[in-house]
Amino acid sequence: MITVTFINADGESLEVQAVDGRSLLDVAQAAGQPLEGACEGQMACSTCHVVIDKDWFDRLPRAVEDEEDMLDLASGARRTSRLSCQIILTPELDGLNVHVPAESRNMQGL
């Protein structure tokens, strides 16, 4: 199992266990985190954007050009922002810390 910690804008954190090979978006949604992911991983939106802890950012594979284009549209994007649908969890990412921006929302409007 891979441990991922989601840190919300209010500073509250939630540590979850995830299975190798799942996307960060799938794990976030299963844990009740407010990430929409309306495009279902097709990179046609930026509603699943998260900010990766700076200590972990360089451990991720580089974002492809399409992802970078989508991040340009993300509200609250930072230098270490990524689309959670594009991050596939591996054992090397055990302990990953991600910040869920205040601008995030889910389909229920929460």
Protein backbone atom coordinates (compact mmCIF):
# COMPACT_ATOMS: atom_id res chain seq x y z
CA MET A 1 0.00 0.00 0.00
CA ILE A 2 1.06 3.55 -0.74
CA THR A 3 0.40 6.34 1.75
CA VAL A 4 -0.79 9.69 0.38
CA THR A 5 -1.57 12.72 2.54
CA PHE A 6 -4.06 15.28 1.22
CA ILE A 7 -3.74 18.72 2.81
CA ASN A 8 -6.75 20.99 2.38
CA ALA A 9 -6.61 24.77 2.16
CA ASP A 10 -7.68 25.08 5.80
CA GLY A 11 -4.66 23.02 6.88
CA GLU A 12 -6.66 19.88 7.67
CA SER A 13 -4.95 16.75 6.42
CA LEU A 14 -6.16 13.28 5.55
CA GLU A 15 -3.78 10.33 5.21
CA VAL A 16 -5.04 7.52 2.99
CA GLN A 17 -3.75 4.18 1.79
CA ALA A 18 -3.75 3.54 -1.95
CA VAL A 19 -3.03 0.65 -4.27
CA ASP A 20 -0.07 0.78 -6.66
CA GLY A 21 -1.19 1.75 -10.17
CA ARG A 22 -4.19 3.91 -9.26
CA SER A 23 -4.34 7.54 -10.29
CA LEU A 24 -4.09 10.19 -7.62
CA LEU A 25 -7.53 11.45 -8.77
CA ASP A 26 -9.15 8.04 -8.15
CA VAL A 27 -7.60 7.89 -4.68
CA ALA A 28 -8.68 11.47 -3.89
CA GLN A 29 -12.26 10.87 -4.97
CA ALA A 30 -12.48 7.60 -3.01
CA ALA A 31 -11.25 9.51 0.06
CA GLY A 32 -13.89 12.22 -0.37
CA GLN A 33 -11.50 14.96 -1.46
CA PRO A 34 -13.13 17.82 -3.42
CA LEU A 35 -11.61 17.15 -6.83
CA GLU A 36 -13.98 17.00 -9.77
CA GLY A 37 -12.04 15.37 -12.60
CA ALA A 38 -14.95 16.04 -14.93
CA CYS A 39 -13.03 15.04 -18.07
CA GLU A 40 -12.31 11.55 -16.68
CA GLY A 41 -8.57 11.73 -17.33
CA GLN A 42 -8.72 13.04 -20.89
CA MET A 43 -6.94 16.31 -19.95
CA ALA A 44 -9.80 18.43 -21.29
CA CYS A 45 -10.15 20.33 -18.01
CA SER A 46 -8.16 21.34 -14.95
CA THR A 47 -10.71 20.52 -12.23
CA CYS A 48 -8.49 17.83 -10.69
CA HIS A 49 -5.48 20.08 -10.19
CA VAL A 50 -3.47 19.69 -6.99
CA VAL A 51 -0.31 21.31 -5.69
CA ILE A 52 2.43 18.77 -5.04
CA ASP A 53 4.59 19.26 -1.98
CA LYS A 54 7.87 20.76 -3.25
CA ASP A 55 9.90 17.89 -1.78
CA TRP A 56 7.95 15.44 -3.96
CA PHE A 57 7.50 17.43 -7.17
CA ASP A 58 10.80 16.42 -8.80
CA ARG A 59 10.10 12.73 -8.08
CA LEU A 60 7.14 12.76 -10.46
CA PRO A 61 7.50 12.17 -14.19
CA ARG A 62 7.52 15.45 -16.11
CA ALA A 63 4.17 16.80 -17.22
CA VAL A 64 3.44 16.47 -20.93
CA GLU A 65 2.71 19.60 -22.95
CA ASP A 66 -1.08 19.00 -22.90
CA GLU A 67 -1.06 18.83 -19.11
CA GLU A 68 0.96 22.04 -18.88
CA ASP A 69 -1.58 23.72 -21.17
CA MET A 70 -4.45 22.61 -18.91
CA LEU A 71 -2.61 23.83 -15.82
CA ASP A 72 -2.43 27.29 -17.40
CA LEU A 73 -6.24 27.33 -17.02
CA ALA A 74 -6.33 26.05 -13.43
CA SER A 75 -7.53 28.43 -10.77
CA GLY A 76 -4.93 28.73 -8.01
CA ALA A 77 -2.18 26.92 -9.94
CA ARG A 78 1.35 27.09 -8.54
CA ARG A 79 4.80 26.13 -9.84
CA THR A 80 4.35 22.62 -8.45
CA SER A 81 0.78 22.11 -9.67
CA ARG A 82 -0.15 18.91 -11.51
CA LEU A 83 -3.35 17.25 -12.71
CA SER A 84 -4.14 14.45 -10.29
CA CYS A 85 -5.55 12.32 -13.13
CA GLN A 86 -2.04 12.19 -14.64
CA ILE A 87 -0.22 11.00 -11.51
CA ILE A 88 -0.11 7.21 -11.28
CA LEU A 89 0.92 6.02 -7.86
CA THR A 90 3.96 3.79 -7.55
CA PRO A 91 5.89 2.55 -4.51
CA GLU A 92 8.40 5.36 -5.12
CA LEU A 93 5.62 7.84 -4.26
CA ASP A 94 4.86 6.29 -0.86
CA GLY A 95 4.46 9.20 1.56
CA LEU A 96 3.40 11.72 -1.11
CA ASN A 97 1.98 15.00 0.22
CA VAL A 98 -0.45 16.95 -1.96
CA HIS A 99 -2.31 20.20 -1.32
CA VAL A 100 -5.90 20.56 -2.50
CA PRO A 101 -6.39 24.21 -3.53
CA ALA A 102 -9.24 26.20 -2.00
CA GLU A 103 -10.57 26.74 -5.52
CA SER A 104 -11.21 23.00 -5.97
CA ARG A 105 -14.73 21.70 -6.05
CA ASN A 106 -16.48 18.47 -6.77
CA MET A 107 -19.58 17.65 -8.79
CA GLN A 108 -21.77 17.95 -5.69
CA GLY A 109 -20.56 21.52 -5.17
CA LEU A 110 -18.84 20.70 -1.86
